[in-house]
Amino acid sequence: MAYIDVHSVHRAGVMTKRSTGARFNLGEPWDGKLADFCAAHFSGSATDVVRAALDMFIPADLKRNKGSAEKYEKLQREREKTLRRQ
């Protein structure tokens, strides 16, 4: 099933396009799951859903996997150094 952009009303009453999440190229059924969840819970922001999911998933997964945690922390430190140089 294809999903199309629909409009949602922000608090100020301005109509804006609601994201379907298709830009993440998740494929079905995940594109549809994300689009439906956004419409039901996050006022249409797929980016907010992905950010919240990552904020929950990453720490939980790293807690279970020490090897990945060490590698992730190293990569994060390197990324921060690179960003500071820019």
PDB file of N, CA and C in Angstrom:
ATOM      1  N   MET A   1       0.840  -1.177   0.000  1.00  0.00           N
ATOM      2  CA  MET A   1       0.000   0.000   0.000  1.00  0.00           C
ATOM      3  C   MET A   1       0.885   1.240   0.000  1.00  0.00           C
ATOM      4  N   ALA A   2       0.649   2.151  -0.890  1.00  0.00           N
ATOM      5  CA  ALA A   2       1.429   3.394  -0.967  1.00  0.00           C
ATOM      6  C   ALA A   2       0.801   4.436  -0.056  1.00  0.00           C
ATOM      7  N   TYR A   3       1.646   5.241   0.539  1.00  0.00           N
ATOM      8  CA  TYR A   3       1.180   6.314   1.399  1.00  0.00           C
ATOM      9  C   TYR A   3       1.488   7.638   0.738  1.00  0.00           C
ATOM     10  N   ILE A   4       0.550   8.552   0.822  1.00  0.00           N
ATOM     11  CA  ILE A   4       0.754   9.874   0.260  1.00  0.00           C
ATOM     12  C   ILE A   4       0.822  10.878   1.385  1.00  0.00           C
ATOM     13  N   ASP A   5       1.463  12.023   1.111  1.00  0.00           N
ATOM     14  CA  ASP A   5       1.514  13.068   2.118  1.00  0.00           C
ATOM     15  C   ASP A   5       0.115  13.610   2.350  1.00  0.00           C
ATOM     16  N   VAL A   6      -0.196  13.791   3.592  1.00  0.00           N
ATOM     17  CA  VAL A   6      -1.455  14.420   3.956  1.00  0.00           C
ATOM     18  C   VAL A   6      -1.113  15.632   4.796  1.00  0.00           C
ATOM     19  N   HIS A   7      -2.102  16.454   5.094  1.00  0.00           N
ATOM     20  CA  HIS A   7      -1.832  17.668   5.840  1.00  0.00           C
ATOM     21  C   HIS A   7      -2.285  17.523   7.283  1.00  0.00           C
ATOM     22  N   SER A   8      -1.560  18.206   8.159  1.00  0.00           N
ATOM     23  CA  SER A   8      -1.942  18.245   9.561  1.00  0.00           C
ATOM     24  C   SER A   8      -1.964  19.690   9.997  1.00  0.00           C
ATOM     25  N   VAL A   9      -2.693  19.983  11.043  1.00  0.00           N
ATOM     26  CA  VAL A   9      -2.798  21.340  11.549  1.00  0.00           C
ATOM     27  C   VAL A   9      -1.894  21.483  12.750  1.00  0.00           C
ATOM     28  N   HIS A  10      -0.980  22.458  12.698  1.00  0.00           N
ATOM     29  CA  HIS A  10      -0.144  22.762  13.854  1.00  0.00           C
ATOM     30  C   HIS A  10      -0.943  23.605  14.835  1.00  0.00           C
ATOM     31  N   ARG A  11      -0.410  23.765  16.025  1.00  0.00           N
ATOM     32  CA  ARG A  11      -1.110  24.517  17.066  1.00  0.00           C
ATOM     33  C   ARG A  11      -1.510  25.918  16.621  1.00  0.00           C
ATOM     34  N   ALA A  12      -0.659  26.550  15.803  1.00  0.00           N
ATOM     35  CA  ALA A  12      -0.960  27.907  15.351  1.00  0.00           C
ATOM     36  C   ALA A  12      -2.046  27.910  14.282  1.00  0.00           C
ATOM     37  N   GLY A  13      -2.488  26.737  13.859  1.00  0.00           N
ATOM     38  CA  GLY A  13      -3.538  26.651  12.865  1.00  0.00           C
ATOM     39  C   GLY A  13      -3.021  26.656  11.436  1.00  0.00           C
ATOM     40  N   VAL A  14      -1.709  26.626  11.257  1.00  0.00           N
ATOM     41  CA  VAL A  14      -1.114  26.631   9.924  1.00  0.00           C
ATOM     42  C   VAL A  14      -1.075  25.209   9.395  1.00  0.00           C
ATOM     43  N   MET A  15      -1.508  25.035   8.159  1.00  0.00           N
ATOM     44  CA  MET A  15      -1.487  23.718   7.544  1.00  0.00           C
ATOM     45  C   MET A  15      -0.086  23.412   7.032  1.00  0.00           C
ATOM     46  N   THR A  16       0.450  22.253   7.398  1.00  0.00           N
ATOM     47  CA  THR A  16       1.753  21.834   6.910  1.00  0.00           C
ATOM     48  C   THR A  16       1.666  20.381   6.475  1.00  0.00           C
ATOM     49  N   LYS A  17       2.568  19.981   5.592  1.00  0.00           N
ATOM     50  CA  LYS A  17       2.582  18.589   5.155  1.00  0.00           C
ATOM     51  C   LYS A  17       3.061  17.697   6.275  1.00  0.00           C
ATOM     52  N   ARG A  18       2.399  16.583   6.440  1.00  0.00           N
ATOM     53  CA  ARG A  18       2.809  15.583   7.416  1.00  0.00           C
ATOM     54  C   ARG A  18       3.734  14.605   6.708  1.00  0.00           C
ATOM     55  N   SER A  19       4.831  14.276   7.339  1.00  0.00           N
ATOM     56  CA  SER A  19       5.790  13.355   6.745  1.00  0.00           C
ATOM     57  C   SER A  19       5.259  11.929   6.819  1.00  0.00           C
ATOM     58  N   THR A  20       5.501  11.181   5.764  1.00  0.00           N
ATOM     59  CA  THR A  20       5.099   9.776   5.770  1.00  0.00           C
ATOM     60  C   THR A  20       6.238   8.879   6.214  1.00  0.00           C
ATOM     61  N   GLY A  21       7.452   9.433   6.297  1.00  0.00           N
ATOM     62  CA  GLY A  21       8.594   8.616   6.658  1.00  0.00           C
ATOM     63  C   GLY A  21       9.223   7.906   5.482  1.00  0.00           C
ATOM     64  N   ALA A  22       8.632   8.013   4.295  1.00  0.00           N
ATOM     65  CA  ALA A  22       9.148   7.313   3.119  1.00  0.00           C
ATOM     66  C   ALA A  22      10.563   7.753   2.768  1.00  0.00           C
ATOM     67  N   ARG A  23      10.941   8.966   3.163  1.00  0.00           N
ATOM     68  CA  ARG A  23      12.287   9.452   2.840  1.00  0.00           C
ATOM     69  C   ARG A  23      13.370   8.630   3.534  1.00  0.00           C
ATOM     70  N   PHE A  24      12.996   7.860   4.534  1.00  0.00           N
ATOM     71  CA  PHE A  24      13.966   7.008   5.219  1.00  0.00           C
ATOM     72  C   PHE A  24      14.224   5.713   4.455  1.00  0.00           C
ATOM     73  N   ASN A  25      13.446   5.475   3.402  1.00  0.00           N
ATOM     74  CA  ASN A  25      13.615   4.287   2.553  1.00  0.00           C
ATOM     75  C   ASN A  25      13.623   2.993   3.360  1.00  0.00           C
ATOM     76  N   LEU A  26      12.669   2.869   4.245  1.00  0.00           N
ATOM     77  CA  LEU A  26      12.576   1.680   5.089  1.00  0.00           C
ATOM     78  C   LEU A  26      11.972   0.501   4.358  1.00  0.00           C
ATOM     79  N   GLY A  27      11.177   0.751   3.350  1.00  0.00           N
ATOM     80  CA  GLY A  27      10.443  -0.302   2.659  1.00  0.00           C
ATOM     81  C   GLY A  27       9.218  -0.691   3.477  1.00  0.00           C
ATOM     82  N   GLU A  28       8.349  -1.415   2.828  1.00  0.00           N
ATOM     83  CA  GLU A  28       7.151  -1.886   3.527  1.00  0.00           C
ATOM     84  C   GLU A  28       7.487  -3.157   4.286  1.00  0.00           C
ATOM     85  N   PRO A  29       6.915  -3.407   5.416  1.00  0.00           N
ATOM     86  CA  PRO A  29       5.798  -2.675   6.021  1.00  0.00           C
ATOM     87  C   PRO A  29       6.229  -1.506   6.900  1.00  0.00           C
ATOM     88  N   TRP A  30       7.544  -1.236   7.034  1.00  0.00           N
ATOM     89  CA  TRP A  30       8.016  -0.216   7.978  1.00  0.00           C
ATOM     90  C   TRP A  30       7.640   1.197   7.575  1.00  0.00           C
ATOM     91  N   ASP A  31       7.657   1.520   6.265  1.00  0.00           N
ATOM     92  CA  ASP A  31       7.204   2.846   5.839  1.00  0.00           C
ATOM     93  C   ASP A  31       5.765   3.078   6.303  1.00  0.00           C
ATOM     94  N   GLY A  32       4.929   2.079   6.125  1.00  0.00           N
ATOM     95  CA  GLY A  32       3.533   2.202   6.527  1.00  0.00           C
ATOM     96  C   GLY A  32       3.366   2.283   8.035  1.00  0.00           C
ATOM     97  N   LYS A  33       4.131   1.483   8.750  1.00  0.00           N
ATOM     98  CA  LYS A  33       4.064   1.529  10.215  1.00  0.00           C
ATOM     99  C   LYS A  33       4.465   2.902  10.730  1.00  0.00           C
ATOM    100  N   LEU A  34       5.549   3.451  10.165  1.00  0.00           N
ATOM    101  CA  LEU A  34       6.010   4.762  10.598  1.00  0.00           C
ATOM    102  C   LEU A  34       4.988   5.842  10.250  1.00  0.00           C
ATOM    103  N   ALA A  35       4.461   5.805   9.051  1.00  0.00           N
ATOM    104  CA  ALA A  35       3.465   6.795   8.639  1.00  0.00           C
ATOM    105  C   ALA A  35       2.238   6.744   9.550  1.00  0.00           C
ATOM    106  N   ASP A  36       1.747   5.557   9.836  1.00  0.00           N
ATOM    107  CA  ASP A  36       0.560   5.418  10.680  1.00  0.00           C
ATOM    108  C   ASP A  36       0.839   5.843  12.114  1.00  0.00           C
ATOM    109  N   PHE A  37       2.007   5.491  12.636  1.00  0.00           N
ATOM    110  CA  PHE A  37       2.352   5.879  14.001  1.00  0.00           C
ATOM    111  C   PHE A  37       2.493   7.394  14.114  1.00  0.00           C
ATOM    112  N   CYS A  38       3.129   7.995  13.108  1.00  0.00           N
ATOM    113  CA  CYS A  38       3.268   9.455  13.108  1.00  0.00           C
ATOM    114  C   CYS A  38       1.913  10.132  13.114  1.00  0.00           C
ATOM    115  N   ALA A  39       1.026   9.653  12.285  1.00  0.00           N
ATOM    116  CA  ALA A  39      -0.309  10.241  12.201  1.00  0.00           C
ATOM    117  C   ALA A  39      -1.063  10.094  13.520  1.00  0.00           C
ATOM    118  N   ALA A  40      -0.852   8.986  14.196  1.00  0.00           N
ATOM    119  CA  ALA A  40      -1.590   8.719  15.432  1.00  0.00           C
ATOM    120  C   ALA A  40      -0.972   9.382  16.654  1.00  0.00           C
ATOM    121  N   HIS A  41       0.348   9.599  16.655  1.00  0.00           N
ATOM    122  CA  HIS A  41       0.985   9.977  17.910  1.00  0.00           C
ATOM    123  C   HIS A  41       1.866  11.213  17.867  1.00  0.00           C
ATOM    124  N   PHE A  42       2.618  11.421  16.826  1.00  0.00           N
ATOM    125  CA  PHE A  42       3.613  12.480  16.827  1.00  0.00           C
ATOM    126  C   PHE A  42       3.254  13.635  15.900  1.00  0.00           C
ATOM    127  N   SER A  43       2.013  13.873  15.670  1.00  0.00           N
ATOM    128  CA  SER A  43       1.571  14.977  14.819  1.00  0.00           C
ATOM    129  C   SER A  43       2.257  14.988  13.469  1.00  0.00           C
ATOM    130  N   GLY A  44       2.590  13.827  12.973  1.00  0.00           N
ATOM    131  CA  GLY A  44       3.113  13.717  11.628  1.00  0.00           C
ATOM    132  C   GLY A  44       4.606  13.854  11.463  1.00  0.00           C
ATOM    133  N   SER A  45       5.381  13.904  12.524  1.00  0.00           N
ATOM    134  CA  SER A  45       6.816  14.094  12.386  1.00  0.00           C
ATOM    135  C   SER A  45       7.566  12.770  12.445  1.00  0.00           C
ATOM    136  N   ALA A  46       7.918  12.248  11.264  1.00  0.00           N
ATOM    137  CA  ALA A  46       8.694  11.012  11.210  1.00  0.00           C
ATOM    138  C   ALA A  46      10.069  11.218  11.834  1.00  0.00           C
ATOM    139  N   THR A  47      10.629  12.398  11.663  1.00  0.00           N
ATOM    140  CA  THR A  47      11.937  12.690  12.245  1.00  0.00           C
ATOM    141  C   THR A  47      11.880  12.591  13.763  1.00  0.00           C
ATOM    142  N   ASP A  48      10.823  13.112  14.385  1.00  0.00           N
ATOM    143  CA  ASP A  48      10.679  13.020  15.840  1.00  0.00           C
ATOM    144  C   ASP A  48      10.566  11.570  16.295  1.00  0.00           C
ATOM    145  N   VAL A  49       9.848  10.760  15.527  1.00  0.00           N
ATOM    146  CA  VAL A  49       9.699   9.345  15.872  1.00  0.00           C
ATOM    147  C   VAL A  49      11.048   8.640  15.794  1.00  0.00           C
ATOM    148  N   VAL A  50      11.785   8.873  14.726  1.00  0.00           N
ATOM    149  CA  VAL A  50      13.088   8.223  14.558  1.00  0.00           C
ATOM    150  C   VAL A  50      14.046   8.670  15.658  1.00  0.00           C
ATOM    151  N   ARG A  51      14.056   9.960  15.972  1.00  0.00           N
ATOM    152  CA  ARG A  51      14.927  10.445  17.046  1.00  0.00           C
ATOM    153  C   ARG A  51      14.581   9.794  18.379  1.00  0.00           C
ATOM    154  N   ALA A  52      13.294   9.722  18.701  1.00  0.00           N
ATOM    155  CA  ALA A  52      12.865   9.112  19.966  1.00  0.00           C
ATOM    156  C   ALA A  52      13.220   7.627  19.997  1.00  0.00           C
ATOM    157  N   ALA A  53      13.026   6.954  18.868  1.00  0.00           N
ATOM    158  CA  ALA A  53      13.345   5.526  18.802  1.00  0.00           C
ATOM    159  C   ALA A  53      14.841   5.291  18.995  1.00  0.00           C
ATOM    160  N   LEU A  54      15.668   6.115  18.359  1.00  0.00           N
ATOM    161  CA  LEU A  54      17.112   5.971  18.516  1.00  0.00           C
ATOM    162  C   LEU A  54      17.548   6.277  19.940  1.00  0.00           C
ATOM    163  N   ASP A  55      16.929   7.292  20.549  1.00  0.00           N
ATOM    164  CA  ASP A  55      17.267   7.631  21.934  1.00  0.00           C
ATOM    165  C   ASP A  55      16.954   6.492  22.898  1.00  0.00           C
ATOM    166  N   MET A  56      15.980   5.673  22.557  1.00  0.00           N
ATOM    167  CA  MET A  56      15.636   4.529  23.409  1.00  0.00           C
ATOM    168  C   MET A  56      16.432   3.286  23.027  1.00  0.00           C
ATOM    169  N   PHE A  57      16.552   3.030  21.732  1.00  0.00           N
ATOM    170  CA  PHE A  57      17.167   1.790  21.269  1.00  0.00           C
ATOM    171  C   PHE A  57      18.671   1.749  21.506  1.00  0.00           C
ATOM    172  N   ILE A  58      19.374   2.807  21.140  1.00  0.00           N
ATOM    173  CA  ILE A  58      20.831   2.779  21.216  1.00  0.00           C
ATOM    174  C   ILE A  58      21.335   2.499  22.630  1.00  0.00           C
ATOM    175  N   PRO A  59      20.924   3.260  23.646  1.00  0.00           N
ATOM    176  CA  PRO A  59      21.434   2.967  24.989  1.00  0.00           C
ATOM    177  C   PRO A  59      21.087   1.558  25.474  1.00  0.00           C
ATOM    178  N   ALA A  60      19.868   1.106  25.169  1.00  0.00           N
ATOM    179  CA  ALA A  60      19.465  -0.239  25.603  1.00  0.00           C
ATOM    180  C   ALA A  60      20.316  -1.304  24.923  1.00  0.00           C
ATOM    181  N   ASP A  61      20.564  -1.149  23.635  1.00  0.00           N
ATOM    182  CA  ASP A  61      21.356  -2.131  22.912  1.00  0.00           C
ATOM    183  C   ASP A  61      22.815  -2.112  23.365  1.00  0.00           C
ATOM    184  N   LEU A  62      23.362  -0.921  23.571  1.00  0.00           N
ATOM    185  CA  LEU A  62      24.758  -0.820  23.996  1.00  0.00           C
ATOM    186  C   LEU A  62      24.962  -1.376  25.398  1.00  0.00           C
ATOM    187  N   LYS A  63      23.940  -1.287  26.227  1.00  0.00           N
ATOM    188  CA  LYS A  63      24.023  -1.852  27.579  1.00  0.00           C
ATOM    189  C   LYS A  63      24.170  -3.371  27.515  1.00  0.00           C
ATOM    190  N   ARG A  64      23.550  -3.988  26.505  1.00  0.00           N
ATOM    191  CA  ARG A  64      23.602  -5.442  26.352  1.00  0.00           C
ATOM    192  C   ARG A  64      24.861  -5.918  25.631  1.00  0.00           C
ATOM    193  N   ASN A  65      25.520  -5.022  24.880  1.00  0.00           N
ATOM    194  CA  ASN A  65      26.625  -5.449  24.044  1.00  0.00           C
ATOM    195  C   ASN A  65      27.836  -4.553  24.274  1.00  0.00           C
ATOM    196  N   LYS A  66      28.712  -4.979  25.175  1.00  0.00           N
ATOM    197  CA  LYS A  66      29.870  -4.174  25.571  1.00  0.00           C
ATOM    198  C   LYS A  66      30.807  -3.886  24.399  1.00  0.00           C
ATOM    199  N   GLY A  67      31.021  -4.859  23.528  1.00  0.00           N
ATOM    200  CA  GLY A  67      31.888  -4.653  22.372  1.00  0.00           C
ATOM    201  C   GLY A  67      31.376  -3.557  21.454  1.00  0.00           C
ATOM    202  N   SER A  68      30.091  -3.596  21.174  1.00  0.00           N
ATOM    203  CA  SER A  68      29.486  -2.548  20.350  1.00  0.00           C
ATOM    204  C   SER A  68      29.530  -1.205  21.061  1.00  0.00           C
ATOM    205  N   ALA A  69      29.335  -1.224  22.376  1.00  0.00           N
ATOM    206  CA  ALA A  69      29.347   0.017  23.152  1.00  0.00           C
ATOM    207  C   ALA A  69      30.710   0.694  23.060  1.00  0.00           C
ATOM    208  N   GLU A  70      31.778  -0.084  23.200  1.00  0.00           N
ATOM    209  CA  GLU A  70      33.122   0.487  23.122  1.00  0.00           C
ATOM    210  C   GLU A  70      33.390   1.071  21.734  1.00  0.00           C
ATOM    211  N   LYS A  71      33.011   0.337  20.703  1.00  0.00           N
ATOM    212  CA  LYS A  71      33.213   0.814  19.337  1.00  0.00           C
ATOM    213  C   LYS A  71      32.375   2.067  19.081  1.00  0.00           C
ATOM    214  N   TYR A  72      31.131   2.051  19.517  1.00  0.00           N
ATOM    215  CA  TYR A  72      30.227   3.195  19.340  1.00  0.00           C
ATOM    216  C   TYR A  72      30.785   4.441  20.035  1.00  0.00           C
ATOM    217  N   GLU A  73      31.234   4.284  21.273  1.00  0.00           N
ATOM    218  CA  GLU A  73      31.772   5.424  22.017  1.00  0.00           C
ATOM    219  C   GLU A  73      33.013   5.990  21.330  1.00  0.00           C
ATOM    220  N   LYS A  74      33.863   5.122  20.792  1.00  0.00           N
ATOM    221  CA  LYS A  74      35.046   5.570  20.066  1.00  0.00           C
ATOM    222  C   LYS A  74      34.636   6.358  18.824  1.00  0.00           C
ATOM    223  N   LEU A  75      33.687   5.816  18.063  1.00  0.00           N
ATOM    224  CA  LEU A  75      33.214   6.498  16.867  1.00  0.00           C
ATOM    225  C   LEU A  75      32.571   7.846  17.201  1.00  0.00           C
ATOM    226  N   GLN A  76      31.832   7.900  18.300  1.00  0.00           N
ATOM    227  CA  GLN A  76      31.206   9.157  18.714  1.00  0.00           C
ATOM    228  C   GLN A  76      32.264  10.203  19.074  1.00  0.00           C
ATOM    229  N   ARG A  77      33.309   9.785  19.792  1.00  0.00           N
ATOM    230  CA  ARG A  77      34.394  10.713  20.138  1.00  0.00           C
ATOM    231  C   ARG A  77      35.063  11.258  18.873  1.00  0.00           C
ATOM    232  N   GLU A  78      35.316  10.371  17.905  1.00  0.00           N
ATOM    233  CA  GLU A  78      35.931  10.793  16.647  1.00  0.00           C
ATOM    234  C   GLU A  78      35.026  11.766  15.895  1.00  0.00           C
ATOM    235  N   ARG A  79      33.731  11.494  15.894  1.00  0.00           N
ATOM    236  CA  ARG A  79      32.773  12.367  15.217  1.00  0.00           C
ATOM    237  C   ARG A  79      32.763  13.752  15.879  1.00  0.00           C
ATOM    238  N   GLU A  80      32.766  13.777  17.201  1.00  0.00           N
ATOM    239  CA  GLU A  80      32.764  15.050  17.926  1.00  0.00           C
ATOM    240  C   GLU A  80      34.007  15.856  17.611  1.00  0.00           C
ATOM    241  N   LYS A  81      35.173  15.215  17.549  1.00  0.00           N
ATOM    242  CA  LYS A  81      36.416  15.898  17.208  1.00  0.00           C
ATOM    243  C   LYS A  81      36.320  16.504  15.807  1.00  0.00           C
ATOM    244  N   THR A  82      35.805  15.739  14.868  1.00  0.00           N
ATOM    245  CA  THR A  82      35.667  16.215  13.491  1.00  0.00           C
ATOM    246  C   THR A  82      34.722  17.416  13.435  1.00  0.00           C
ATOM    247  N   LEU A  83      33.618  17.341  14.154  1.00  0.00           N
ATOM    248  CA  LEU A  83      32.657  18.443  14.152  1.00  0.00           C
ATOM    249  C   LEU A  83      33.247  19.709  14.762  1.00  0.00           C
ATOM    250  N   ARG A  84      34.078  19.554  15.790  1.00  0.00           N
ATOM    251  CA  ARG A  84      34.697  20.722  16.424  1.00  0.00           C
ATOM    252  C   ARG A  84      35.673  21.421  15.486  1.00  0.00           C
ATOM    253  N   ARG A  85      36.319  20.651  14.614  1.00  0.00           N
ATOM    254  CA  ARG A  85      37.288  21.224  13.683  1.00  0.00           C
ATOM    255  C   ARG A  85      36.618  22.021  12.564  1.00  0.00           C
ATOM    256  N   GLN A  86      35.369  21.775  12.316  1.00  0.00           N
ATOM    257  CA  GLN A  86      34.678  22.441  11.199  1.00  0.00           C
ATOM    258  C   GLN A  86      34.265  23.838  11.542  1.00  0.00           C
TER     259      GLN A  86
END
